[in-house]
Amino acid sequence: DEVAFKLHGYELGLVGRTLYPPVKTCINHDCT
């Protein structure tokens, strides 16, 4: 998979390792 990301992912902006926050929605209970 690392070879695939090196060969094909970089030109598409996919590097195989992108760190995202563990939450996908706001966790502030006061927030709409």
Full PDB file with SEQRES, HELIX, SHEET, SSBOND, CRYST1, ORIGX, SCALE, CONECT and MASTER records, all heavy atoms in Angstrom:
SEQRES   1 A   32  ASP GLU VAL ALA PHE LYS LEU HIS GLY TYR GLU LEU GLY          
SEQRES   2 A   32  LEU VAL GLY ARG THR LEU TYR PRO PRO VAL LYS THR CYS          
SEQRES   3 A   32  ILE ASN HIS ASP CYS THR                                      
HELIX    1 AA1 GLU A    2  ALA A    4  1                                   3    
HELIX    2 AA2 PHE A    5  GLY A    9  3                                   5    
HELIX    3 AA3 TYR A   10  LEU A   12  5                                   3    
CRYST1    1.000    1.000    1.000  90.00  90.00  90.00 P 1           1          
ORIGX1      1.000000  0.000000  0.000000        0.00000                         
ORIGX2      0.000000  1.000000  0.000000        0.00000                         
ORIGX3      0.000000  0.000000  1.000000        0.00000                         
SCALE1      1.000000  0.000000  0.000000        0.00000                         
SCALE2      0.000000  1.000000  0.000000        0.00000                         
SCALE3      0.000000  0.000000  1.000000        0.00000                         
ATOM      1  N   ASP A   1       0.828  -1.204   0.000  1.00  0.00           N  
ATOM      2  CA  ASP A   1       0.000   0.000   0.000  1.00  0.00           C  
ATOM      3  C   ASP A   1       0.865   1.258   0.000  1.00  0.00           C  
ATOM      4  O   ASP A   1       0.547   2.246  -0.666  1.00  0.00           O  
ATOM      5  CB  ASP A   1      -0.946   0.010   1.194  1.00  0.00           C  
ATOM      6  CG  ASP A   1      -2.026  -1.048   1.096  1.00  0.00           C  
ATOM      7  OD1 ASP A   1      -2.344  -1.472  -0.034  1.00  0.00           O  
ATOM      8  OD2 ASP A   1      -2.549  -1.470   2.142  1.00  0.00           O  
ATOM      9  N   GLU A   2       1.969   1.245   0.732  1.00  0.00           N  
ATOM     10  CA  GLU A   2       2.863   2.409   0.748  1.00  0.00           C  
ATOM     11  C   GLU A   2       3.427   2.681  -0.642  1.00  0.00           C  
ATOM     12  O   GLU A   2       3.503   3.834  -1.064  1.00  0.00           O  
ATOM     13  CB  GLU A   2       4.010   2.199   1.749  1.00  0.00           C  
ATOM     14  CG  GLU A   2       3.584   2.481   3.161  1.00  0.00           C  
ATOM     15  CD  GLU A   2       4.745   2.774   4.073  1.00  0.00           C  
ATOM     16  OE1 GLU A   2       5.784   3.297   3.606  1.00  0.00           O  
ATOM     17  OE2 GLU A   2       4.599   2.492   5.264  1.00  0.00           O  
ATOM     18  N   VAL A   3       3.804   1.623  -1.354  1.00  0.00           N  
ATOM     19  CA  VAL A   3       4.297   1.787  -2.728  1.00  0.00           C  
ATOM     20  C   VAL A   3       3.199   2.374  -3.606  1.00  0.00           C  
ATOM     21  O   VAL A   3       3.444   3.283  -4.411  1.00  0.00           O  
ATOM     22  CB  VAL A   3       4.814   0.441  -3.294  1.00  0.00           C  
ATOM     23  CG1 VAL A   3       5.071   0.532  -4.789  1.00  0.00           C  
ATOM     24  CG2 VAL A   3       6.073   0.001  -2.561  1.00  0.00           C  
ATOM     25  N   ALA A   4       1.981   1.899  -3.445  1.00  0.00           N  
ATOM     26  CA  ALA A   4       0.854   2.407  -4.246  1.00  0.00           C  
ATOM     27  C   ALA A   4       0.629   3.895  -3.979  1.00  0.00           C  
ATOM     28  O   ALA A   4       0.408   4.669  -4.917  1.00  0.00           O  
ATOM     29  CB  ALA A   4      -0.411   1.612  -3.942  1.00  0.00           C  
ATOM     30  N   PHE A   5       0.703   4.302  -2.712  1.00  0.00           N  
ATOM     31  CA  PHE A   5       0.523   5.718  -2.404  1.00  0.00           C  
ATOM     32  C   PHE A   5       1.669   6.551  -2.970  1.00  0.00           C  
ATOM     33  O   PHE A   5       1.452   7.657  -3.461  1.00  0.00           O  
ATOM     34  CB  PHE A   5       0.383   5.939  -0.894  1.00  0.00           C  
ATOM     35  CG  PHE A   5      -0.988   5.632  -0.373  1.00  0.00           C  
ATOM     36  CD1 PHE A   5      -1.236   4.484   0.366  1.00  0.00           C  
ATOM     37  CD2 PHE A   5      -2.045   6.493  -0.629  1.00  0.00           C  
ATOM     38  CE1 PHE A   5      -2.508   4.204   0.844  1.00  0.00           C  
ATOM     39  CE2 PHE A   5      -3.321   6.215  -0.159  1.00  0.00           C  
ATOM     40  CZ  PHE A   5      -3.552   5.072   0.578  1.00  0.00           C  
ATOM     41  N   LYS A   6       2.892   6.031  -2.919  1.00  0.00           N  
ATOM     42  CA  LYS A   6       4.034   6.766  -3.479  1.00  0.00           C  
ATOM     43  C   LYS A   6       3.911   6.916  -4.988  1.00  0.00           C  
ATOM     44  O   LYS A   6       4.191   7.974  -5.543  1.00  0.00           O  
ATOM     45  CB  LYS A   6       5.348   6.063  -3.135  1.00  0.00           C  
ATOM     46  CG  LYS A   6       5.798   6.276  -1.723  1.00  0.00           C  
ATOM     47  CD  LYS A   6       7.109   5.563  -1.461  1.00  0.00           C  
ATOM     48  CE  LYS A   6       7.487   5.671  -0.010  1.00  0.00           C  
ATOM     49  NZ  LYS A   6       8.687   4.891   0.317  1.00  0.00           N  
ATOM     50  N   LEU A   7       3.504   5.848  -5.664  1.00  0.00           N  
ATOM     51  CA  LEU A   7       3.428   5.874  -7.125  1.00  0.00           C  
ATOM     52  C   LEU A   7       2.211   6.637  -7.646  1.00  0.00           C  
ATOM     53  O   LEU A   7       2.304   7.314  -8.668  1.00  0.00           O  
ATOM     54  CB  LEU A   7       3.398   4.447  -7.683  1.00  0.00           C  
ATOM     55  CG  LEU A   7       4.665   3.625  -7.534  1.00  0.00           C  
ATOM     56  CD1 LEU A   7       4.439   2.204  -8.037  1.00  0.00           C  
ATOM     57  CD2 LEU A   7       5.810   4.277  -8.298  1.00  0.00           C  
ATOM     58  N   HIS A   8       1.077   6.512  -6.981  1.00  0.00           N  
ATOM     59  CA  HIS A   8      -0.166   7.024  -7.551  1.00  0.00           C  
ATOM     60  C   HIS A   8      -0.887   8.046  -6.680  1.00  0.00           C  
ATOM     61  O   HIS A   8      -1.797   8.712  -7.166  1.00  0.00           O  
ATOM     62  CB  HIS A   8      -1.135   5.864  -7.818  1.00  0.00           C  
ATOM     63  CG  HIS A   8      -0.542   4.757  -8.619  1.00  0.00           C  
ATOM     64  ND1 HIS A   8      -0.252   4.871  -9.954  1.00  0.00           N  
ATOM     65  CD2 HIS A   8      -0.154   3.510  -8.254  1.00  0.00           C  
ATOM     66  CE1 HIS A   8       0.268   3.739 -10.387  1.00  0.00           C  
ATOM     67  NE2 HIS A   8       0.340   2.900  -9.373  1.00  0.00           N  
ATOM     68  N   GLY A   9      -0.535   8.150  -5.421  1.00  0.00           N  
ATOM     69  CA  GLY A   9      -1.319   8.984  -4.524  1.00  0.00           C  
ATOM     70  C   GLY A   9      -0.908  10.440  -4.450  1.00  0.00           C  
ATOM     71  O   GLY A   9      -1.747  11.318  -4.291  1.00  0.00           O  
ATOM     72  N   TYR A  10       0.369  10.733  -4.590  1.00  0.00           N  
ATOM     73  CA  TYR A  10       0.831  12.097  -4.365  1.00  0.00           C  
ATOM     74  C   TYR A  10       0.249  13.095  -5.355  1.00  0.00           C  
ATOM     75  O   TYR A  10      -0.124  14.198  -4.983  1.00  0.00           O  
ATOM     76  CB  TYR A  10       2.359  12.168  -4.386  1.00  0.00           C  
ATOM     77  CG  TYR A  10       2.959  11.601  -3.122  1.00  0.00           C  
ATOM     78  CD1 TYR A  10       3.530  10.345  -3.100  1.00  0.00           C  
ATOM     79  CD2 TYR A  10       2.921  12.323  -1.935  1.00  0.00           C  
ATOM     80  CE1 TYR A  10       4.048   9.814  -1.934  1.00  0.00           C  
ATOM     81  CE2 TYR A  10       3.439  11.813  -0.769  1.00  0.00           C  
ATOM     82  CZ  TYR A  10       4.008  10.561  -0.770  1.00  0.00           C  
ATOM     83  OH  TYR A  10       4.518  10.041   0.387  1.00  0.00           O  
ATOM     84  N   GLU A  11       0.140  12.704  -6.635  1.00  0.00           N  
ATOM     85  CA  GLU A  11      -0.411  13.654  -7.609  1.00  0.00           C  
ATOM     86  C   GLU A  11      -1.896  13.911  -7.375  1.00  0.00           C  
ATOM     87  O   GLU A  11      -2.448  14.886  -7.844  1.00  0.00           O  
ATOM     88  CB  GLU A  11      -0.171  13.198  -9.051  1.00  0.00           C  
ATOM     89  CG  GLU A  11      -0.918  11.958  -9.467  1.00  0.00           C  
ATOM     90  CD  GLU A  11      -0.130  10.664  -9.320  1.00  0.00           C  
ATOM     91  OE1 GLU A  11       0.952  10.686  -8.706  1.00  0.00           O  
ATOM     92  OE2 GLU A  11      -0.597   9.638  -9.826  1.00  0.00           O  
ATOM     93  N   LEU A  12      -2.563  13.038  -6.622  1.00  0.00           N  
ATOM     94  CA  LEU A  12      -3.983  13.214  -6.319  1.00  0.00           C  
ATOM     95  C   LEU A  12      -4.201  13.784  -4.920  1.00  0.00           C  
ATOM     96  O   LEU A  12      -5.325  13.933  -4.465  1.00  0.00           O  
ATOM     97  CB  LEU A  12      -4.713  11.870  -6.449  1.00  0.00           C  
ATOM     98  CG  LEU A  12      -4.690  11.244  -7.834  1.00  0.00           C  
ATOM     99  CD1 LEU A  12      -5.222   9.822  -7.792  1.00  0.00           C  
ATOM    100  CD2 LEU A  12      -5.493  12.080  -8.813  1.00  0.00           C  
ATOM    101  N   GLY A  13      -3.109  14.084  -4.213  1.00  0.00           N  
ATOM    102  CA  GLY A  13      -3.232  14.628  -2.864  1.00  0.00           C  
ATOM    103  C   GLY A  13      -3.458  13.577  -1.797  1.00  0.00           C  
ATOM    104  O   GLY A  13      -3.813  13.900  -0.671  1.00  0.00           O  
ATOM    105  N   LEU A  14      -3.250  12.297  -2.128  1.00  0.00           N  
ATOM    106  CA  LEU A  14      -3.423  11.211  -1.164  1.00  0.00           C  
ATOM    107  C   LEU A  14      -2.058  10.634  -0.834  1.00  0.00           C  
ATOM    108  O   LEU A  14      -1.381  10.110  -1.701  1.00  0.00           O  
ATOM    109  CB  LEU A  14      -4.322  10.117  -1.752  1.00  0.00           C  
ATOM    110  CG  LEU A  14      -5.706  10.583  -2.230  1.00  0.00           C  
ATOM    111  CD1 LEU A  14      -6.399   9.464  -2.987  1.00  0.00           C  
ATOM    112  CD2 LEU A  14      -6.540  11.031  -1.055  1.00  0.00           C  
ATOM    113  N   VAL A  15      -1.636  10.755   0.414  1.00  0.00           N  
ATOM    114  CA  VAL A  15      -0.302  10.296   0.782  1.00  0.00           C  
ATOM    115  C   VAL A  15      -0.330   9.028   1.616  1.00  0.00           C  
ATOM    116  O   VAL A  15       0.713   8.509   1.969  1.00  0.00           O  
ATOM    117  CB  VAL A  15       0.498  11.390   1.539  1.00  0.00           C  
ATOM    118  CG1 VAL A  15       0.767  12.561   0.633  1.00  0.00           C  
ATOM    119  CG2 VAL A  15      -0.223  11.839   2.795  1.00  0.00           C  
ATOM    120  N   GLY A  16      -1.496   8.538   1.923  1.00  0.00           N  
ATOM    121  CA  GLY A  16      -1.577   7.302   2.691  1.00  0.00           C  
ATOM    122  C   GLY A  16      -1.595   7.532   4.182  1.00  0.00           C  
ATOM    123  O   GLY A  16      -2.197   6.780   4.915  1.00  0.00           O  
ATOM    124  N   ARG A  17      -0.965   8.585   4.644  1.00  0.00           N  
ATOM    125  CA  ARG A  17      -0.986   8.878   6.074  1.00  0.00           C  
ATOM    126  C   ARG A  17      -1.382  10.339   6.246  1.00  0.00           C  
ATOM    127  O   ARG A  17      -0.578  11.236   6.070  1.00  0.00           O  
ATOM    128  CB  ARG A  17       0.375   8.601   6.709  1.00  0.00           C  
ATOM    129  CG  ARG A  17       0.457   8.896   8.182  1.00  0.00           C  
ATOM    130  CD  ARG A  17      -0.628   8.272   9.022  1.00  0.00           C  
ATOM    131  NE  ARG A  17      -0.530   6.832   9.088  1.00  0.00           N  
ATOM    132  CZ  ARG A  17      -1.483   6.044   9.568  1.00  0.00           C  
ATOM    133  NH1 ARG A  17      -2.591   6.554  10.014  1.00  0.00           N  
ATOM    134  NH2 ARG A  17      -1.339   4.761   9.589  1.00  0.00           N  
ATOM    135  N   THR A  18      -2.638  10.550   6.533  1.00  0.00           N  
ATOM    136  CA  THR A  18      -3.146  11.868   6.864  1.00  0.00           C  
ATOM    137  C   THR A  18      -3.804  11.739   8.223  1.00  0.00           C  
ATOM    138  O   THR A  18      -4.640  10.866   8.428  1.00  0.00           O  
ATOM    139  CB  THR A  18      -4.174  12.361   5.823  1.00  0.00           C  
ATOM    140  OG1 THR A  18      -3.559  12.389   4.539  1.00  0.00           O  
ATOM    141  CG2 THR A  18      -4.661  13.750   6.161  1.00  0.00           C  
ATOM    142  N   LEU A  19      -3.386  12.570   9.141  1.00  0.00           N  
ATOM    143  CA  LEU A  19      -3.923  12.513  10.498  1.00  0.00           C  
ATOM    144  C   LEU A  19      -5.102  13.466  10.618  1.00  0.00           C  
ATOM    145  O   LEU A  19      -4.962  14.676  10.440  1.00  0.00           O  
ATOM    146  CB  LEU A  19      -2.838  12.893  11.514  1.00  0.00           C  
ATOM    147  CG  LEU A  19      -1.563  12.047  11.484  1.00  0.00           C  
ATOM    148  CD1 LEU A  19      -0.591  12.538  12.558  1.00  0.00           C  
ATOM    149  CD2 LEU A  19      -1.871  10.574  11.670  1.00  0.00           C  
ATOM    150  N   TYR A  20      -6.271  12.900  10.860  1.00  0.00           N  
ATOM    151  CA  TYR A  20      -7.497  13.657  11.068  1.00  0.00           C  
ATOM    152  C   TYR A  20      -7.852  13.625  12.545  1.00  0.00           C  
ATOM    153  O   TYR A  20      -7.489  12.680  13.253  1.00  0.00           O  
ATOM    154  CB  TYR A  20      -8.656  13.020  10.290  1.00  0.00           C  
ATOM    155  CG  TYR A  20      -8.682  13.320   8.818  1.00  0.00           C  
ATOM    156  CD1 TYR A  20      -7.979  12.537   7.912  1.00  0.00           C  
ATOM    157  CD2 TYR A  20      -9.446  14.376   8.326  1.00  0.00           C  
ATOM    158  CE1 TYR A  20      -8.023  12.798   6.550  1.00  0.00           C  
ATOM    159  CE2 TYR A  20      -9.498  14.640   6.969  1.00  0.00           C  
ATOM    160  CZ  TYR A  20      -8.790  13.852   6.089  1.00  0.00           C  
ATOM    161  OH  TYR A  20      -8.840  14.115   4.749  1.00  0.00           O  
ATOM    162  N   PRO A  21      -8.610  14.612  13.020  1.00  0.00           N  
ATOM    163  CA  PRO A  21      -9.097  14.542  14.408  1.00  0.00           C  
ATOM    164  C   PRO A  21      -9.966  13.297  14.600  1.00  0.00           C  
ATOM    165  O   PRO A  21     -10.592  12.821  13.649  1.00  0.00           O  
ATOM    166  CB  PRO A  21      -9.945  15.808  14.564  1.00  0.00           C  
ATOM    167  CG  PRO A  21      -9.499  16.715  13.474  1.00  0.00           C  
ATOM    168  CD  PRO A  21      -9.033  15.831  12.354  1.00  0.00           C  
ATOM    169  N   PRO A  22     -10.034  12.770  15.815  1.00  0.00           N  
ATOM    170  CA  PRO A  22     -10.843  11.568  16.046  1.00  0.00           C  
ATOM    171  C   PRO A  22     -12.346  11.835  16.013  1.00  0.00           C  
ATOM    172  O   PRO A  22     -13.127  10.896  16.000  1.00  0.00           O  
ATOM    173  CB  PRO A  22     -10.399  11.112  17.432  1.00  0.00           C  
ATOM    174  CG  PRO A  22      -9.897  12.339  18.099  1.00  0.00           C  
ATOM    175  CD  PRO A  22      -9.312  13.189  17.011  1.00  0.00           C  
ATOM    176  N   VAL A  23     -12.749  13.096  15.993  1.00  0.00           N  
ATOM    177  CA  VAL A  23     -14.175  13.435  15.941  1.00  0.00           C  
ATOM    178  C   VAL A  23     -14.515  13.970  14.558  1.00  0.00           C  
ATOM    179  O   VAL A  23     -13.709  14.638  13.926  1.00  0.00           O  
ATOM    180  CB  VAL A  23     -14.559  14.463  17.030  1.00  0.00           C  
ATOM    181  CG1 VAL A  23     -14.366  13.876  18.412  1.00  0.00           C  
ATOM    182  CG2 VAL A  23     -13.780  15.747  16.893  1.00  0.00           C  
ATOM    183  N   LYS A  24     -15.699  13.653  14.095  1.00  0.00           N  
ATOM    184  CA  LYS A  24     -16.156  14.099  12.772  1.00  0.00           C  
ATOM    185  C   LYS A  24     -17.264  15.137  12.880  1.00  0.00           C  
ATOM    186  O   LYS A  24     -17.598  15.799  11.919  1.00  0.00           O  
ATOM    187  CB  LYS A  24     -16.668  12.905  11.945  1.00  0.00           C  
ATOM    188  CG  LYS A  24     -15.691  11.756  11.857  1.00  0.00           C  
ATOM    189  CD  LYS A  24     -14.397  12.180  11.209  1.00  0.00           C  
ATOM    190  CE  LYS A  24     -13.402  11.041  11.239  1.00  0.00           C  
ATOM    191  NZ  LYS A  24     -12.162  11.369  11.881  1.00  0.00           N  
ATOM    192  N   THR A  25     -17.866  15.239  14.069  1.00  0.00           N  
ATOM    193  CA  THR A  25     -18.892  16.244  14.344  1.00  0.00           C  
ATOM    194  C   THR A  25     -18.465  17.013  15.590  1.00  0.00           C  
ATOM    195  O   THR A  25     -17.667  16.515  16.392  1.00  0.00           O  
ATOM    196  CB  THR A  25     -20.272  15.601  14.587  1.00  0.00           C  
ATOM    197  OG1 THR A  25     -20.180  14.711  15.705  1.00  0.00           O  
ATOM    198  CG2 THR A  25     -20.758  14.830  13.370  1.00  0.00           C  
ATOM    199  N   CYS A  26     -19.001  18.209  15.750  1.00  0.00           N  
ATOM    200  CA  CYS A  26     -18.683  19.031  16.916  1.00  0.00           C  
ATOM    201  C   CYS A  26     -19.116  18.291  18.182  1.00  0.00           C  
ATOM    202  O   CYS A  26     -20.189  17.689  18.225  1.00  0.00           O  
ATOM    203  CB  CYS A  26     -19.384  20.383  16.808  1.00  0.00           C  
ATOM    204  SG  CYS A  26     -18.905  21.537  18.122  1.00  0.00           S  
ATOM    205  N   ILE A  27     -18.285  18.347  19.222  1.00  0.00           N  
ATOM    206  CA  ILE A  27     -18.620  17.671  20.478  1.00  0.00           C  
ATOM    207  C   ILE A  27     -18.953  18.661  21.587  1.00  0.00           C  
ATOM    208  O   ILE A  27     -19.110  18.283  22.733  1.00  0.00           O  
ATOM    209  CB  ILE A  27     -17.498  16.715  20.929  1.00  0.00           C  
ATOM    210  CG1 ILE A  27     -16.156  17.423  21.053  1.00  0.00           C  
ATOM    211  CG2 ILE A  27     -17.404  15.531  19.972  1.00  0.00           C  
ATOM    212  CD1 ILE A  27     -15.033  16.558  21.598  1.00  0.00           C  
ATOM    213  N   ASN A  28     -19.101  19.941  21.231  1.00  0.00           N  
ATOM    214  CA  ASN A  28     -19.518  20.979  22.172  1.00  0.00           C  
ATOM    215  C   ASN A  28     -21.037  20.901  22.317  1.00  0.00           C  
ATOM    216  O   ASN A  28     -21.775  21.207  21.393  1.00  0.00           O  
ATOM    217  CB  ASN A  28     -19.080  22.354  21.653  1.00  0.00           C  
ATOM    218  CG  ASN A  28     -19.539  23.488  22.527  1.00  0.00           C  
ATOM    219  OD1 ASN A  28     -20.171  23.291  23.564  1.00  0.00           O  
ATOM    220  ND2 ASN A  28     -19.224  24.703  22.100  1.00  0.00           N  
ATOM    221  N   HIS A  29     -21.528  20.487  23.470  1.00  0.00           N  
ATOM    222  CA  HIS A  29     -22.954  20.262  23.681  1.00  0.00           C  
ATOM    223  C   HIS A  29     -23.794  21.538  23.595  1.00  0.00           C  
ATOM    224  O   HIS A  29     -25.009  21.468  23.432  1.00  0.00           O  
ATOM    225  CB  HIS A  29     -23.202  19.560  25.021  1.00  0.00           C  
ATOM    226  CG  HIS A  29     -22.612  18.201  25.070  1.00  0.00           C  
ATOM    227  ND1 HIS A  29     -23.128  17.139  24.365  1.00  0.00           N  
ATOM    228  CD2 HIS A  29     -21.520  17.715  25.722  1.00  0.00           C  
ATOM    229  CE1 HIS A  29     -22.391  16.057  24.580  1.00  0.00           C  
ATOM    230  NE2 HIS A  29     -21.413  16.374  25.405  1.00  0.00           N  
ATOM    231  N   ASP A  30     -23.156  22.696  23.709  1.00  0.00           N  
ATOM    232  CA  ASP A  30     -23.879  23.956  23.589  1.00  0.00           C  
ATOM    233  C   ASP A  30     -24.002  24.424  22.138  1.00  0.00           C  
ATOM    234  O   ASP A  30     -24.673  25.414  21.863  1.00  0.00           O  
ATOM    235  CB  ASP A  30     -23.178  25.053  24.408  1.00  0.00           C  
ATOM    236  CG  ASP A  30     -23.158  24.734  25.896  1.00  0.00           C  
ATOM    237  OD1 ASP A  30     -24.120  24.090  26.376  1.00  0.00           O  
ATOM    238  OD2 ASP A  30     -22.180  25.109  26.573  1.00  0.00           O  
ATOM    239  N   CYS A  31     -23.371  23.735  21.234  1.00  0.00           N  
ATOM    240  CA  CYS A  31     -23.306  24.146  19.827  1.00  0.00           C  
ATOM    241  C   CYS A  31     -24.502  23.598  19.037  1.00  0.00           C  
ATOM    242  O   CYS A  31     -24.888  22.438  19.207  1.00  0.00           O  
ATOM    243  CB  CYS A  31     -21.995  23.645  19.217  1.00  0.00           C  
ATOM    244  SG  CYS A  31     -21.790  24.066  17.494  1.00  0.00           S  
ATOM    245  N   THR A  32     -25.046  24.429  18.165  1.00  0.00           N  
ATOM    246  CA  THR A  32     -26.162  23.966  17.328  1.00  0.00           C  
ATOM    247  C   THR A  32     -25.713  22.910  16.334  1.00  0.00           C  
ATOM    248  O   THR A  32     -26.501  22.053  15.941  1.00  0.00           O  
ATOM    249  CB  THR A  32     -26.826  25.143  16.581  1.00  0.00           C  
ATOM    250  OG1 THR A  32     -25.829  25.815  15.807  1.00  0.00           O  
ATOM    251  CG2 THR A  32     -27.474  26.107  17.550  1.00  0.00           C  
TER     252      THR A  32                                                      
MASTER        0    0    0    3    0    0    0    6  251    1    0    3          
END                                                                             
